[in-house]
Amino acid sequence: MATTVDQFMQNAKQWKAEMVLLRSILLSCKLEESIKWGQPCYTINDKNIVIIAPFKAHCDLGFFNGVLLKDVKGLLVKPGTNTQASRQLRFKSVSDIEKLKSVITSYVKEAIKNEVDGIKPILEKPATIVVEELDAIFKKNTSLKKAFTALTPGRQRAYLIYFSGAKQTETRIARIEKHTAGILAGRGINDCTCGLSKKMPYCDGSHKYAV
């Protein structure tokens, strides 16, 4: 399990050259680096600016408040439909990064300036998601309701998005039943149970890079 960025880079089985190059660009911008969520994260004044994230199809540079960047070249990608603040630059080769080196640097410096200047994105309050089947189950299972309420707002919302995504009542109920044990254990829908994290049940994803 990588505890330093050096170890992370050494252990990388995919996108190693791309991540090494991205790392050099970020360090040239005078950012501090550490491992967070199992990935190289870069900060200034202990505030997250950008993170390197290897995926199967591409290597990403994720800006925590990327929505604030001007992005005059239209390169930033919204990670998900429910994402508000973060944005990504995606790469598939070293040459992709080399071609955009000056652009990447300018984006990073802009993100740093926004943080130093105290500029924060204005986030919309997420719409309330009602899952009638879950509310009905809560009335019969008060322990489940208590455990669900004890989860962080983000974990609650992740469950609600997943449960409500099913079109049929039977499917929604099946999804709730499948995750009941996890909720009672205090886990979010995306929390890992690999056993390798010292912060269980809130796994940081480091198991992905264990050798």
Protein backbone atom coordinates (compact mmCIF):
# COMPACT_ATOMS: atom_id res chain seq x y z
CA MET A 1 0.00 0.00 0.00
CA ALA A 2 1.60 3.24 -1.11
CA THR A 3 2.02 5.84 1.65
CA THR A 4 4.14 8.27 -0.38
CA VAL A 5 3.91 9.55 -3.93
CA ASP A 6 7.27 7.94 -4.71
CA GLN A 7 5.87 4.55 -3.72
CA PHE A 8 2.70 5.20 -5.66
CA MET A 9 4.64 5.93 -8.82
CA GLN A 10 6.88 2.91 -8.34
CA ASN A 11 3.89 0.61 -7.83
CA ALA A 12 1.89 1.97 -10.77
CA LYS A 13 1.11 -0.66 -13.39
CA GLN A 14 -0.62 1.69 -15.82
CA TRP A 15 -0.07 5.32 -16.87
CA LYS A 16 3.23 5.49 -14.97
CA ALA A 17 5.01 7.72 -17.50
CA GLU A 18 1.98 9.98 -17.81
CA MET A 19 1.65 10.36 -14.04
CA VAL A 20 5.37 11.03 -13.59
CA LEU A 21 5.13 13.84 -16.14
CA LEU A 22 2.01 15.29 -14.53
CA ARG A 23 3.75 15.14 -11.17
CA SER A 24 6.69 17.14 -12.46
CA ILE A 25 4.34 19.82 -13.80
CA LEU A 26 2.51 20.09 -10.48
CA LEU A 27 5.69 20.26 -8.43
CA SER A 28 6.99 23.01 -10.71
CA CYS A 29 3.95 25.00 -9.58
CA LYS A 30 5.22 24.82 -5.98
CA LEU A 31 2.43 22.58 -4.72
CA GLU A 32 2.82 20.20 -1.77
CA GLU A 33 2.11 16.53 -2.44
CA SER A 34 0.80 13.65 -0.37
CA ILE A 35 -1.35 10.56 -0.74
CA LYS A 36 -5.06 11.14 -0.22
CA TRP A 37 -7.81 8.71 -1.14
CA GLY A 38 -5.02 6.42 -2.33
CA GLN A 39 -3.85 8.88 -5.02
CA PRO A 40 -1.30 11.70 -5.37
CA CYS A 41 -2.96 14.89 -4.15
CA TYR A 42 -1.52 18.40 -4.45
CA THR A 43 -2.27 21.21 -2.05
CA ILE A 44 -1.41 24.75 -1.04
CA ASN A 45 -1.85 25.91 2.55
CA ASP A 46 -3.37 22.47 3.24
CA LYS A 47 -6.15 23.14 0.72
CA ASN A 48 -6.73 20.61 -2.05
CA ILE A 49 -6.00 21.93 -5.54
CA VAL A 50 -5.62 18.95 -7.86
CA ILE A 51 -5.31 15.17 -7.76
CA ILE A 52 -3.79 12.62 -10.15
CA ALA A 53 -6.19 9.76 -10.82
CA PRO A 54 -5.41 6.74 -13.03
CA PHE A 55 -8.37 5.02 -14.62
CA LYS A 56 -8.61 2.14 -17.04
CA ALA A 57 -9.25 4.25 -20.14
CA HIS A 58 -7.35 7.42 -19.23
CA CYS A 59 -5.23 9.24 -16.70
CA ASP A 60 -6.90 12.22 -15.06
CA LEU A 61 -5.87 15.46 -13.48
CA GLY A 62 -8.77 16.37 -11.25
CA PHE A 63 -9.32 19.96 -10.14
CA PHE A 64 -11.32 20.09 -6.91
CA ASN A 65 -12.83 23.48 -7.82
CA GLY A 66 -12.39 23.18 -11.56
CA VAL A 67 -15.76 24.76 -12.23
CA LEU A 68 -14.10 28.11 -11.43
CA LEU A 69 -11.48 27.78 -14.16
CA LYS A 70 -11.99 29.82 -17.32
CA ASP A 71 -11.19 26.81 -19.54
CA VAL A 72 -10.98 28.89 -22.71
CA LYS A 73 -9.95 25.79 -24.68
CA GLY A 74 -12.90 23.73 -23.47
CA LEU A 75 -10.76 20.87 -22.20
CA LEU A 76 -12.28 20.25 -18.79
CA VAL A 77 -14.65 17.33 -18.27
CA LYS A 78 -17.42 17.06 -15.69
CA PRO A 79 -16.86 13.73 -13.88
CA GLY A 80 -20.53 12.92 -13.32
CA THR A 81 -24.03 14.29 -13.82
CA ASN A 82 -24.31 15.16 -10.13
CA THR A 83 -20.88 16.77 -9.90
CA GLN A 84 -20.84 20.49 -9.15
CA ALA A 85 -17.34 21.76 -8.31
CA SER A 86 -14.76 19.33 -9.66
CA ARG A 87 -13.54 19.05 -13.25
CA GLN A 88 -11.00 16.80 -14.97
CA LEU A 89 -8.37 16.95 -17.67
CA ARG A 90 -8.08 13.50 -19.26
CA PHE A 91 -5.01 12.09 -20.99
CA LYS A 92 -4.25 8.90 -22.91
CA SER A 93 -0.56 9.37 -23.67
CA VAL A 94 2.58 11.25 -22.71
CA SER A 95 2.34 13.17 -25.98
CA ASP A 96 -1.13 14.40 -25.00
CA ILE A 97 0.37 15.90 -21.85
CA GLU A 98 3.42 17.29 -23.61
CA LYS A 99 1.25 19.14 -26.11
CA LEU A 100 -0.78 20.73 -23.33
CA LYS A 101 2.01 21.30 -20.81
CA SER A 102 1.72 25.08 -20.88
CA VAL A 103 -2.07 24.90 -20.73
CA ILE A 104 -1.98 22.50 -17.78
CA THR A 105 0.42 24.81 -15.97
CA SER A 106 -1.81 27.81 -16.57
CA TYR A 107 -4.88 25.94 -15.31
CA VAL A 108 -3.02 24.84 -12.17
CA LYS A 109 -1.76 28.37 -11.48
CA GLU A 110 -5.27 29.75 -11.96
CA ALA A 111 -6.62 27.16 -9.50
CA ILE A 112 -3.91 28.12 -6.99
CA LYS A 113 -4.74 31.83 -7.34
CA ASN A 114 -8.44 31.14 -6.82
CA GLU A 115 -7.65 29.28 -3.61
CA VAL A 116 -5.24 31.92 -2.32
CA ASP A 117 -7.76 34.66 -3.13
CA GLY A 118 -10.47 32.76 -1.32
CA ILE A 119 -12.68 32.31 -4.38
CA LYS A 120 -15.10 29.45 -3.87
CA PRO A 121 -17.73 27.96 -6.19
CA ILE A 122 -21.36 28.71 -5.46
CA LEU A 123 -22.95 25.30 -5.21
CA GLU A 124 -26.60 24.61 -5.75
CA LYS A 125 -28.42 22.90 -2.96
CA PRO A 126 -29.09 19.34 -4.14
CA ALA A 127 -32.71 18.57 -4.85
CA THR A 128 -34.41 16.46 -2.22
CA ILE A 129 -34.71 12.82 -3.27
CA VAL A 130 -37.68 10.92 -1.87
CA VAL A 131 -37.72 7.13 -1.97
CA GLU A 132 -41.16 6.08 -0.77
CA GLU A 133 -40.14 2.45 -0.39
CA LEU A 134 -37.29 3.44 1.93
CA ASP A 135 -39.57 5.65 4.02
CA ALA A 136 -42.00 2.74 4.36
CA ILE A 137 -39.21 0.42 5.48
CA PHE A 138 -38.00 3.02 8.00
CA LYS A 139 -41.41 2.94 9.68
CA LYS A 140 -40.99 -0.79 10.29
CA ASN A 141 -37.23 -0.75 10.94
CA THR A 142 -36.33 2.14 13.23
CA SER A 143 -32.77 0.82 13.67
CA LEU A 144 -32.20 1.15 9.93
CA LYS A 145 -33.60 4.69 9.96
CA LYS A 146 -31.31 5.65 12.84
CA ALA A 147 -28.26 4.16 11.11
CA PHE A 148 -29.13 5.87 7.82
CA THR A 149 -29.58 9.24 9.54
CA ALA A 150 -26.18 8.81 11.20
CA LEU A 151 -24.44 8.56 7.80
CA THR A 152 -22.81 11.66 6.34
CA PRO A 153 -25.08 13.68 4.01
CA GLY A 154 -22.97 12.60 1.03
CA ARG A 155 -23.38 8.91 1.86
CA GLN A 156 -27.10 9.33 2.40
CA ARG A 157 -27.49 11.05 -0.94
CA ALA A 158 -25.45 8.37 -2.74
CA TYR A 159 -27.82 5.71 -1.44
CA LEU A 160 -30.89 7.75 -2.35
CA ILE A 161 -29.63 8.34 -5.90
CA TYR A 162 -29.00 4.61 -6.31
CA PHE A 163 -32.30 3.49 -4.79
CA SER A 164 -34.38 6.02 -6.74
CA GLY A 165 -32.62 5.09 -9.98
CA ALA A 166 -34.65 1.89 -10.25
CA LYS A 167 -37.88 2.22 -12.22
CA GLN A 168 -39.75 -0.64 -10.58
CA THR A 169 -40.87 -0.72 -6.93
CA GLU A 170 -39.65 -4.29 -6.60
CA THR A 171 -36.19 -3.31 -7.80
CA ARG A 172 -35.99 -0.36 -5.41
CA ILE A 173 -36.94 -2.61 -2.50
CA ALA A 174 -34.39 -5.21 -3.58
CA ARG A 175 -31.66 -2.56 -3.70
CA ILE A 176 -32.56 -1.34 -0.21
CA GLU A 177 -32.54 -4.88 1.19
CA LYS A 178 -29.18 -5.60 -0.44
CA HIS A 179 -27.56 -2.60 1.26
CA THR A 180 -29.34 -2.80 4.62
CA ALA A 181 -26.40 -4.57 6.29
CA GLY A 182 -23.97 -1.96 4.99
CA ILE A 183 -26.10 0.91 6.27
CA LEU A 184 -26.41 -0.71 9.70
CA ALA A 185 -22.61 -1.09 9.72
CA GLY A 186 -22.17 2.60 9.01
CA ARG A 187 -20.86 2.17 5.48
CA GLY A 188 -21.64 4.25 2.44
CA ILE A 189 -22.58 2.61 -0.85
CA ASN A 190 -19.08 3.25 -2.22
CA ASP A 191 -17.15 2.40 0.95
CA CYS A 192 -14.82 -0.55 0.63
CA THR A 193 -14.78 -3.67 2.78
CA CYS A 194 -11.39 -4.97 1.59
CA GLY A 195 -9.97 -4.93 5.12
CA LEU A 196 -6.70 -3.28 4.07
CA SER A 197 -7.56 0.21 5.25
CA LYS A 198 -6.76 1.39 8.76
CA LYS A 199 -9.76 3.66 8.56
CA MET A 200 -12.42 1.05 8.08
CA PRO A 201 -15.13 1.19 7.06
CA TYR A 202 -14.02 4.33 5.26
CA CYS A 203 -11.44 2.75 2.95
CA ASP A 204 -9.26 5.26 1.11
CA GLY A 205 -8.89 3.09 -1.97
CA SER A 206 -5.26 2.24 -1.33
CA HIS A 207 -5.96 -1.45 -1.82
CA LYS A 208 -6.11 -0.80 -5.55
CA TYR A 209 -2.38 -0.26 -5.55
CA ALA A 210 -1.36 -2.94 -3.06
CA VAL A 211 1.27 -5.39 -4.35
